Amino acid sequence: MKKVLLAACLFFIVHSGQAQVIISLIFGDKLNSDKIEFGLDGGLNWSDLKGLPNSKGLTGFNLGFYFDFKLKNPSWMINTGVIVKSPMGARDLPVYSLNDPALDSAFVGGSVDRKLRYFNVPVSMKYYVTKHFYAKAGIMLGLRSKCFDEFTNEIIDKEDLHYKLKTKDDYHPLDAGLLFGLGYRLSKGNGMNIGVQYYLGLVDVVVDDVSPNQFNRSLYVTAGIPIGVKAKKKAKTENAQ
């Protein structure tokens, strides 16, 4: 248990996706057991901000790690982990004033992408309908890390003019909502997980109460790879012999 907590703390501290992968590979075989499965997962996600008019969905990549805690009934598990990189927000917002005549003039006719970054912690119950197919439902908590509006405009080439405005103080530090998902387990129920899940944010992310309520929404398509599972099974077989 101490090793699990140590690895989790390290992941919270590390912001780099490459460092996350390295740490996972080092600790992977130590974190897996008969009752716990540990692995990396990542993929694409499509997000938007419900309540924000004149905007479109934002596409991004997500990366994180997961734990499956196996219960007495083998069909049920507690699924959790951390999504270290999970871009949320919206794109193609109308340009607004930056209170700088030169910048306002430069971005006339451009657009704004609103990007919110969180460390997300999903906690759900996973149920295997068959040996391969599973469904899960639960909650997801988010800790805000970065927020910014990215202004773009075309001068000569497409989107060759950029300006980034930090907006971290405009958004609440915590987010929370419901999570629903479906997935499929490869290799006779022991291999890679391929899943889709939807996050329904229930917390108004905007600090300013004058603005309309805005809620995070995100659709995830992910692939999860167990780390160290084969090594554990091989060692168990050798010991049995």
Protein backbone atom coordinates (compact mmCIF):
# COMPACT_ATOMS: atom_id res chain seq x y z
CA MET A 1 0.00 0.00 0.00
CA LYS A 2 2.88 2.39 0.77
CA LYS A 3 4.25 1.84 -2.73
CA VAL A 4 0.87 2.69 -4.24
CA LEU A 5 0.67 5.96 -2.28
CA LEU A 6 4.27 6.85 -3.14
CA ALA A 7 3.69 6.32 -6.86
CA ALA A 8 0.46 8.34 -6.74
CA CYS A 9 2.23 11.25 -5.05
CA LEU A 10 4.97 11.19 -7.66
CA PHE A 11 2.43 11.34 -10.45
CA PHE A 12 0.71 14.35 -8.93
CA ILE A 13 4.03 16.20 -8.75
CA VAL A 14 5.21 15.33 -12.25
CA HIS A 15 3.68 17.48 -15.00
CA SER A 16 5.47 15.96 -17.96
CA GLY A 17 3.84 13.13 -19.90
CA GLN A 18 7.24 11.57 -20.67
CA ALA A 19 8.20 11.51 -17.00
CA GLN A 20 4.83 9.92 -16.21
CA VAL A 21 5.53 7.07 -18.61
CA ILE A 22 9.03 6.50 -17.19
CA ILE A 23 7.79 6.38 -13.58
CA SER A 24 4.97 4.03 -14.59
CA LEU A 25 7.36 1.61 -16.24
CA ILE A 26 9.61 1.62 -13.15
CA PHE A 27 6.80 1.01 -10.64
CA GLY A 28 4.39 -0.95 -12.86
CA ASP A 29 5.30 -4.49 -11.89
CA LYS A 30 5.43 -3.53 -8.19
CA LEU A 31 1.96 -1.98 -8.22
CA ASN A 32 0.22 -4.93 -9.86
CA SER A 33 -1.00 -7.81 -7.71
CA ASP A 34 -3.82 -10.35 -7.59
CA LYS A 35 -6.11 -7.62 -6.25
CA ILE A 36 -4.82 -4.51 -8.06
CA GLU A 37 -4.19 -3.78 -11.71
CA PHE A 38 -2.15 -0.71 -12.63
CA GLY A 39 -1.65 0.73 -16.10
CA LEU A 40 -1.36 3.72 -18.41
CA ASP A 41 -4.22 5.06 -20.49
CA GLY A 42 -4.66 7.84 -23.00
CA GLY A 43 -6.37 8.88 -26.19
CA LEU A 44 -8.54 11.62 -27.66
CA ASN A 45 -11.16 13.76 -26.01
CA TRP A 46 -13.71 16.22 -27.32
CA SER A 47 -14.82 18.90 -24.86
CA ASP A 48 -17.04 21.94 -24.74
CA LEU A 49 -18.44 24.39 -22.22
CA LYS A 50 -22.20 24.10 -21.78
CA GLY A 51 -23.70 27.56 -21.35
CA LEU A 52 -21.04 29.36 -23.40
CA PRO A 53 -22.75 30.73 -26.53
CA ASN A 54 -21.15 31.11 -29.96
CA SER A 55 -18.50 28.45 -29.39
CA LYS A 56 -17.51 25.05 -30.78
CA GLY A 57 -16.05 21.89 -29.26
CA LEU A 58 -12.33 21.57 -28.56
CA THR A 59 -10.31 18.46 -29.53
CA GLY A 60 -7.29 17.32 -27.50
CA PHE A 61 -5.22 14.42 -26.20
CA ASN A 62 -5.53 12.93 -22.72
CA LEU A 63 -2.95 10.93 -20.79
CA GLY A 64 -3.02 9.36 -17.36
CA PHE A 65 -2.82 6.19 -15.29
CA TYR A 66 -5.41 3.94 -13.69
CA PHE A 67 -5.95 1.44 -10.89
CA ASP A 68 -8.51 -1.37 -10.92
CA PHE A 69 -9.16 -2.62 -7.38
CA LYS A 70 -10.69 -6.09 -7.65
CA LEU A 71 -13.55 -6.99 -5.31
CA LYS A 72 -14.68 -10.38 -3.99
CA ASN A 73 -17.14 -10.66 -6.84
CA PRO A 74 -14.82 -10.86 -9.91
CA SER A 75 -17.36 -9.03 -12.07
CA TRP A 76 -17.02 -5.83 -9.97
CA MET A 77 -14.04 -3.48 -9.61
CA ILE A 78 -13.33 0.00 -8.27
CA ASN A 79 -11.72 2.00 -11.06
CA THR A 80 -9.72 5.13 -10.28
CA GLY A 81 -6.49 6.94 -11.20
CA VAL A 82 -5.41 10.35 -12.44
CA ILE A 83 -5.83 11.95 -15.87
CA VAL A 84 -2.70 14.12 -15.80
CA LYS A 85 -3.35 15.76 -19.16
CA SER A 86 -6.95 16.44 -20.08
CA PRO A 87 -7.60 19.61 -22.09
CA MET A 88 -11.07 21.08 -21.69
CA GLY A 89 -12.71 24.22 -22.97
CA ALA A 90 -14.10 25.48 -26.26
CA ARG A 91 -12.93 27.03 -29.52
CA ASP A 92 -13.93 29.64 -32.09
CA LEU A 93 -15.21 32.18 -29.58
CA PRO A 94 -15.71 35.76 -30.80
CA VAL A 95 -12.76 38.08 -30.16
CA TYR A 96 -13.22 40.43 -27.21
CA SER A 97 -11.32 43.55 -26.16
CA LEU A 98 -7.90 43.14 -24.53
CA ASN A 99 -7.91 46.80 -23.44
CA ASP A 100 -4.97 47.43 -25.75
CA PRO A 101 -5.74 49.32 -28.99
CA ALA A 102 -2.84 47.69 -30.87
CA LEU A 103 -3.85 44.14 -29.89
CA ASP A 104 -7.55 44.81 -30.45
CA SER A 105 -6.76 46.07 -33.94
CA ALA A 106 -4.47 43.10 -34.72
CA PHE A 107 -7.10 40.48 -33.84
CA VAL A 108 -10.10 42.00 -35.60
CA GLY A 109 -11.73 39.16 -37.55
CA GLY A 110 -9.85 36.49 -35.56
CA SER A 111 -11.07 33.96 -33.01
CA VAL A 112 -10.43 32.80 -29.44
CA ASP A 113 -9.85 29.27 -28.12
CA ARG A 114 -10.63 28.88 -24.41
CA LYS A 115 -8.39 26.21 -22.87
CA LEU A 116 -8.82 24.86 -19.33
CA ARG A 117 -6.36 22.36 -17.85
CA TYR A 118 -7.13 20.05 -14.92
CA PHE A 119 -5.69 17.13 -13.02
CA ASN A 120 -8.76 14.87 -13.08
CA VAL A 121 -9.40 12.00 -10.66
CA PRO A 122 -12.16 9.59 -11.78
CA VAL A 123 -13.67 7.19 -9.23
CA SER A 124 -16.18 4.70 -10.59
CA MET A 125 -17.61 1.23 -10.19
CA LYS A 126 -16.73 -1.04 -13.10
CA TYR A 127 -18.91 -4.03 -13.90
CA TYR A 128 -17.95 -6.76 -16.40
CA VAL A 129 -21.12 -7.74 -18.25
CA THR A 130 -19.10 -10.49 -19.96
CA LYS A 131 -15.43 -11.47 -19.80
CA HIS A 132 -14.64 -8.72 -22.33
CA PHE A 133 -17.35 -6.04 -22.12
CA TYR A 134 -17.72 -3.72 -19.15
CA ALA A 135 -19.71 -0.67 -18.07
CA LYS A 136 -18.79 1.86 -15.43
CA ALA A 137 -20.29 4.87 -13.66
CA GLY A 138 -19.13 7.22 -10.95
CA ILE A 139 -17.78 10.71 -10.35
CA MET A 140 -14.77 12.72 -11.48
CA LEU A 141 -13.04 15.45 -9.48
CA GLY A 142 -10.83 18.05 -11.14
CA LEU A 143 -8.07 20.32 -9.80
CA ARG A 144 -7.47 23.35 -12.01
CA SER A 145 -3.86 23.76 -13.19
CA LYS A 146 -3.83 26.21 -16.13
CA CYS A 147 -6.40 28.34 -17.91
CA PHE A 148 -5.85 30.66 -20.84
CA ASP A 149 -7.53 32.22 -23.85
CA GLU A 150 -5.58 31.86 -27.08
CA PHE A 151 -6.24 34.59 -29.65
CA THR A 152 -5.44 33.77 -33.29
CA ASN A 153 -5.74 35.63 -36.56
CA GLU A 154 -4.57 35.25 -40.13
CA ILE A 155 -2.14 37.81 -41.49
CA ILE A 156 -0.30 35.96 -44.27
CA ASP A 157 -0.71 32.28 -43.40
CA LYS A 158 -3.50 30.59 -41.46
CA GLU A 159 -3.42 31.45 -37.73
CA ASP A 160 0.04 32.98 -37.94
CA LEU A 161 -0.76 35.61 -35.29
CA HIS A 162 -1.09 34.33 -31.71
CA TYR A 163 -1.60 35.88 -28.29
CA LYS A 164 -2.11 33.96 -25.05
CA LEU A 165 -4.00 35.56 -22.16
CA LYS A 166 -3.78 33.82 -18.78
CA THR A 167 -7.23 33.48 -17.19
CA LYS A 168 -6.57 31.13 -14.25
CA ASP A 169 -8.14 33.46 -11.68
CA ASP A 170 -11.39 33.58 -13.64
CA TYR A 171 -12.18 29.91 -12.92
CA HIS A 172 -12.86 27.94 -9.76
CA PRO A 173 -9.97 25.73 -8.60
CA LEU A 174 -12.16 22.63 -8.29
CA ASP A 175 -14.49 20.88 -10.70
CA ALA A 176 -16.75 17.87 -10.18
CA GLY A 177 -19.30 15.85 -12.09
CA LEU A 178 -20.60 12.48 -13.20
CA LEU A 179 -18.76 9.94 -15.35
CA PHE A 180 -20.24 7.15 -17.50
CA GLY A 181 -18.39 4.69 -19.70
CA LEU A 182 -18.29 1.48 -21.73
CA GLY A 183 -15.28 -0.62 -22.67
CA TYR A 184 -13.85 -3.78 -24.14
CA ARG A 185 -10.98 -5.90 -22.82
CA LEU A 186 -8.72 -7.62 -25.36
CA SER A 187 -6.67 -10.85 -25.18
CA LYS A 188 -9.13 -13.14 -23.41
CA GLY A 189 -9.88 -10.52 -20.80
CA ASN A 190 -6.24 -9.88 -19.80
CA GLY A 191 -4.98 -7.33 -22.33
CA MET A 192 -5.50 -3.75 -23.42
CA ASN A 193 -8.68 -1.85 -22.49
CA ILE A 194 -10.42 0.15 -25.19
CA GLY A 195 -13.13 2.41 -23.84
CA VAL A 196 -15.33 5.44 -24.27
CA GLN A 197 -16.54 7.60 -21.40
CA TYR A 198 -18.48 10.83 -20.99
CA TYR A 199 -17.96 13.48 -18.31
CA LEU A 200 -20.90 15.64 -17.25
CA GLY A 201 -19.63 18.55 -15.17
CA LEU A 202 -22.00 19.77 -12.43
CA VAL A 203 -19.99 22.74 -11.09
CA ASP A 204 -20.16 26.21 -12.64
CA VAL A 205 -16.53 26.77 -13.60
CA VAL A 206 -16.70 30.58 -13.80
CA VAL A 207 -15.90 32.66 -10.71
CA ASP A 208 -17.87 35.71 -11.91
CA ASP A 209 -21.49 35.17 -10.84
CA VAL A 210 -22.63 37.79 -13.36
CA SER A 211 -21.67 35.50 -16.27
CA PRO A 212 -24.01 32.67 -17.32
CA ASN A 213 -23.32 29.31 -15.68
CA GLN A 214 -20.80 27.25 -17.64
CA PHE A 215 -20.12 23.53 -17.18
CA ASN A 216 -17.41 21.24 -18.51
CA ARG A 217 -18.43 18.46 -20.87
CA SER A 218 -16.00 15.94 -22.34
CA LEU A 219 -16.14 12.73 -24.38
CA TYR A 220 -13.10 10.45 -23.99
CA VAL A 221 -11.94 7.64 -26.27
CA THR A 222 -9.04 5.85 -24.58
CA ALA A 223 -6.78 2.82 -24.68
CA GLY A 224 -5.46 1.44 -21.39
CA ILE A 225 -2.33 -0.71 -21.18
CA PRO A 226 -1.62 -2.75 -18.01
CA ILE A 227 1.99 -2.32 -16.82
CA GLY A 228 3.79 -5.33 -15.37
CA VAL A 229 0.86 -7.75 -15.51
CA LYS A 230 2.62 -10.29 -17.74
CA ALA A 231 5.73 -10.20 -15.58
CA LYS A 232 3.63 -10.95 -12.49
CA LYS A 233 1.87 -13.87 -14.18
CA LYS A 234 5.14 -15.29 -15.45
CA ALA A 235 6.73 -15.14 -11.98
CA LYS A 236 3.66 -16.78 -10.44
CA THR A 237 3.81 -19.64 -12.97
CA GLU A 238 7.53 -20.20 -12.36
CA ASN A 239 7.00 -20.29 -8.59
CA ALA A 240 4.20 -22.81 -8.99
CA GLN A 241 6.53 -25.08 -10.97
